[in-house]
Amino acid sequence: MKRLVTGAPGFIGFHLYKIPPTGLRFFTVYGPWGRPDMAIYLFADAIANGKLIRVFNNGDMSRDFTYIYDVVNGIEILLKNPPAKEGGEAAYKLSNIWNGNPQSLGDFIKAIETSFGIEAKKEFLPMQAGDVPQTWADVSDIEKLGYKSTTQIKEGVQKFVGWFKGYYRLS
């Protein structure tokens, strides 16, 4: 039976040009030049300007925070290891690129405060609708290719805050 592939340019590229597509999943990525709507950016901006940070679920959540350079390293590894065709099926792969070690939001905020040398003013709020108390990824497939997230939260946050202070010319 033939399968109909619709809409996904990567899969169309495979069928037309034999290019094996790879899907990447990464969440809670942080680092220089990050999206300004992400938590680290919002927290850094609030702390730098003496404003309140909003801490949902009273801080009782954890995320698989992954520094951007670890994500880039994972992408480079996957580029060198395209998916292989198995049993006559299309060659494709979905890979998680995360830290593989969830950290508490409280520890993340503490690292930002330490890097700034300022304690944040916090407003503790209940869980947001649609949010989850913990996220993490199974990175065992990409680890088999040599991937390892190496940037610890304190180090990554310190690099981000250094970039943030420099970019916004803060002392």
Protein backbone atom coordinates (compact mmCIF):
# COMPACT_ATOMS: atom_id res chain seq x y z
CA MET A 1 0.00 0.00 0.00
CA LYS A 2 1.38 3.44 -0.93
CA ARG A 3 1.29 6.18 1.65
CA LEU A 4 0.17 9.64 0.70
CA VAL A 5 2.40 12.36 2.11
CA THR A 6 0.84 15.80 2.30
CA GLY A 7 1.86 19.19 3.50
CA ALA A 8 5.23 18.47 5.10
CA PRO A 9 7.95 19.97 2.87
CA GLY A 10 10.60 17.74 4.44
CA PHE A 11 8.75 14.59 3.47
CA ILE A 12 7.99 15.93 0.00
CA GLY A 13 11.71 16.69 -0.31
CA PHE A 14 12.47 13.11 0.64
CA HIS A 15 10.19 11.66 -2.00
CA LEU A 16 11.32 14.03 -4.75
CA TYR A 17 14.97 14.51 -3.89
CA LYS A 18 15.69 11.66 -1.43
CA ILE A 19 16.51 14.13 1.35
CA PRO A 20 15.93 12.46 4.74
CA PRO A 21 14.01 14.89 7.00
CA THR A 22 14.75 15.33 10.67
CA GLY A 23 12.31 16.89 13.11
CA LEU A 24 13.80 18.67 16.09
CA ARG A 25 12.08 19.27 19.42
CA PHE A 26 13.57 21.63 21.94
CA PHE A 27 11.90 23.66 24.64
CA THR A 28 13.01 26.09 27.32
CA VAL A 29 16.06 27.09 25.31
CA TYR A 30 17.82 30.13 26.75
CA GLY A 31 20.88 32.18 25.95
CA PRO A 32 22.06 35.33 24.19
CA TRP A 33 19.73 36.77 21.55
CA GLY A 34 16.83 34.72 22.90
CA ARG A 35 13.18 35.51 22.43
CA PRO A 36 12.14 38.43 24.64
CA ASP A 37 8.96 36.61 25.70
CA MET A 38 10.89 33.75 27.34
CA ALA A 39 11.15 33.54 31.14
CA ILE A 40 14.88 34.30 31.45
CA TYR A 41 14.54 37.43 29.36
CA LEU A 42 11.42 38.59 31.22
CA PHE A 43 13.04 37.87 34.60
CA ALA A 44 16.32 39.59 33.68
CA ASP A 45 14.51 42.67 32.40
CA ALA A 46 12.33 42.88 35.53
CA ILE A 47 15.27 42.39 37.91
CA ALA A 48 17.40 44.96 36.06
CA ASN A 49 14.57 47.49 36.26
CA GLY A 50 13.40 46.78 39.83
CA LYS A 51 10.10 45.34 38.67
CA LEU A 52 8.12 42.36 39.92
CA ILE A 53 8.59 38.94 38.34
CA ARG A 54 5.56 36.70 38.03
CA VAL A 55 6.26 33.19 39.34
CA PHE A 56 3.53 30.77 38.33
CA ASN A 57 2.50 27.69 40.32
CA ASN A 58 4.22 29.41 43.25
CA GLY A 59 7.51 28.30 41.68
CA ASP A 60 6.66 24.61 42.13
CA MET A 61 7.56 23.55 38.62
CA SER A 62 10.63 22.42 36.76
CA ARG A 63 11.86 22.71 33.22
CA ASP A 64 14.51 21.05 31.13
CA PHE A 65 16.43 24.33 30.63
CA THR A 66 18.87 23.99 27.72
CA TYR A 67 21.54 26.54 26.86
CA ILE A 68 21.56 27.59 23.22
CA TYR A 69 25.11 26.38 22.54
CA ASP A 70 24.11 22.87 23.64
CA VAL A 71 21.21 23.03 21.17
CA VAL A 72 23.58 24.12 18.38
CA ASN A 73 25.90 21.24 19.28
CA GLY A 74 22.98 18.81 19.01
CA ILE A 75 21.95 20.17 15.62
CA GLU A 76 25.53 19.82 14.35
CA ILE A 77 25.62 16.19 15.50
CA LEU A 78 22.32 15.45 13.74
CA LEU A 79 23.50 17.12 10.52
CA LYS A 80 26.46 14.73 10.49
CA ASN A 81 24.17 11.74 11.18
CA PRO A 82 21.15 11.89 8.85
CA PRO A 83 18.42 9.31 9.42
CA ALA A 84 18.86 5.99 7.65
CA LYS A 85 16.20 4.26 5.58
CA GLU A 86 14.81 1.23 7.39
CA GLY A 87 12.85 -1.59 5.80
CA GLY A 88 11.91 0.33 2.66
CA GLU A 89 10.27 3.10 4.68
CA ALA A 90 11.08 6.79 4.28
CA ALA A 91 14.18 7.85 6.20
CA TYR A 92 13.15 10.35 8.85
CA LYS A 93 13.89 11.03 12.50
CA LEU A 94 12.39 13.05 15.32
CA SER A 95 15.01 14.09 17.86
CA ASN A 96 14.81 15.76 21.25
CA ILE A 97 17.55 18.26 22.01
CA TRP A 98 17.20 19.17 25.65
CA ASN A 99 19.27 19.12 28.76
CA GLY A 100 17.79 15.83 29.96
CA ASN A 101 17.86 17.06 33.56
CA PRO A 102 14.89 19.17 34.72
CA GLN A 103 15.69 21.97 37.18
CA SER A 104 13.34 23.82 39.48
CA LEU A 105 12.12 27.25 38.48
CA GLY A 106 13.29 28.45 41.91
CA ASP A 107 16.88 27.37 41.16
CA PHE A 108 16.69 29.05 37.76
CA ILE A 109 15.48 32.33 39.32
CA LYS A 110 18.15 32.05 42.04
CA ALA A 111 20.84 31.74 39.36
CA ILE A 112 19.54 34.90 37.67
CA GLU A 113 19.47 36.76 41.00
CA THR A 114 23.01 35.61 41.80
CA SER A 115 24.28 36.69 38.38
CA PHE A 116 22.74 40.14 38.84
CA GLY A 117 23.63 40.37 42.52
CA ILE A 118 20.02 41.44 43.16
CA GLU A 119 17.15 39.57 44.79
CA ALA A 120 14.07 39.63 42.57
CA LYS A 121 10.78 41.05 43.72
CA LYS A 122 8.40 38.13 43.22
CA GLU A 123 4.67 37.80 42.78
CA PHE A 124 3.66 34.17 43.36
CA LEU A 125 0.70 33.09 41.25
CA PRO A 126 -1.24 29.86 40.67
CA MET A 127 -0.54 27.59 37.72
CA GLN A 128 -1.48 29.08 34.35
CA ALA A 129 -4.19 27.28 32.38
CA GLY A 130 -2.62 24.83 29.96
CA ASP A 131 0.76 24.76 31.72
CA VAL A 132 2.39 21.65 33.19
CA PRO A 133 4.35 21.24 36.44
CA GLN A 134 7.36 19.56 34.79
CA THR A 135 8.88 19.14 31.34
CA TRP A 136 11.83 17.01 30.36
CA ALA A 137 13.00 15.03 27.37
CA ASP A 138 14.27 11.60 26.60
CA VAL A 139 17.56 12.36 24.87
CA SER A 140 18.79 8.75 24.71
CA ASP A 141 18.65 8.59 20.88
CA ILE A 142 20.85 11.63 20.33
CA GLU A 143 23.15 10.65 23.19
CA LYS A 144 23.95 7.49 21.18
CA LEU A 145 25.36 9.85 18.53
CA GLY A 146 27.61 11.59 21.08
CA TYR A 147 25.36 14.43 22.27
CA LYS A 148 25.70 15.61 25.84
CA SER A 149 24.33 18.84 27.24
CA THR A 150 27.32 20.32 29.08
CA THR A 151 26.17 23.75 30.23
CA GLN A 152 24.96 23.81 33.82
CA ILE A 153 22.20 26.26 34.78
CA LYS A 154 24.48 28.57 36.81
CA GLU A 155 27.01 28.83 33.98
CA GLY A 156 24.42 29.33 31.23
CA VAL A 157 22.47 31.92 33.21
CA GLN A 158 25.68 33.78 34.06
CA LYS A 159 26.59 33.91 30.34
CA PHE A 160 23.10 35.15 29.48
CA VAL A 161 23.12 37.84 32.17
CA GLY A 162 26.59 38.95 31.01
CA TRP A 163 25.28 39.27 27.47
CA PHE A 164 22.08 41.02 28.69
CA LYS A 165 24.05 43.60 30.70
CA GLY A 166 26.36 44.27 27.79
CA TYR A 167 23.59 44.53 25.22
CA TYR A 168 21.56 46.95 27.34
CA ARG A 169 24.68 48.75 28.64
CA LEU A 170 23.92 47.99 32.29
CA SER A 171 26.60 48.20 34.95
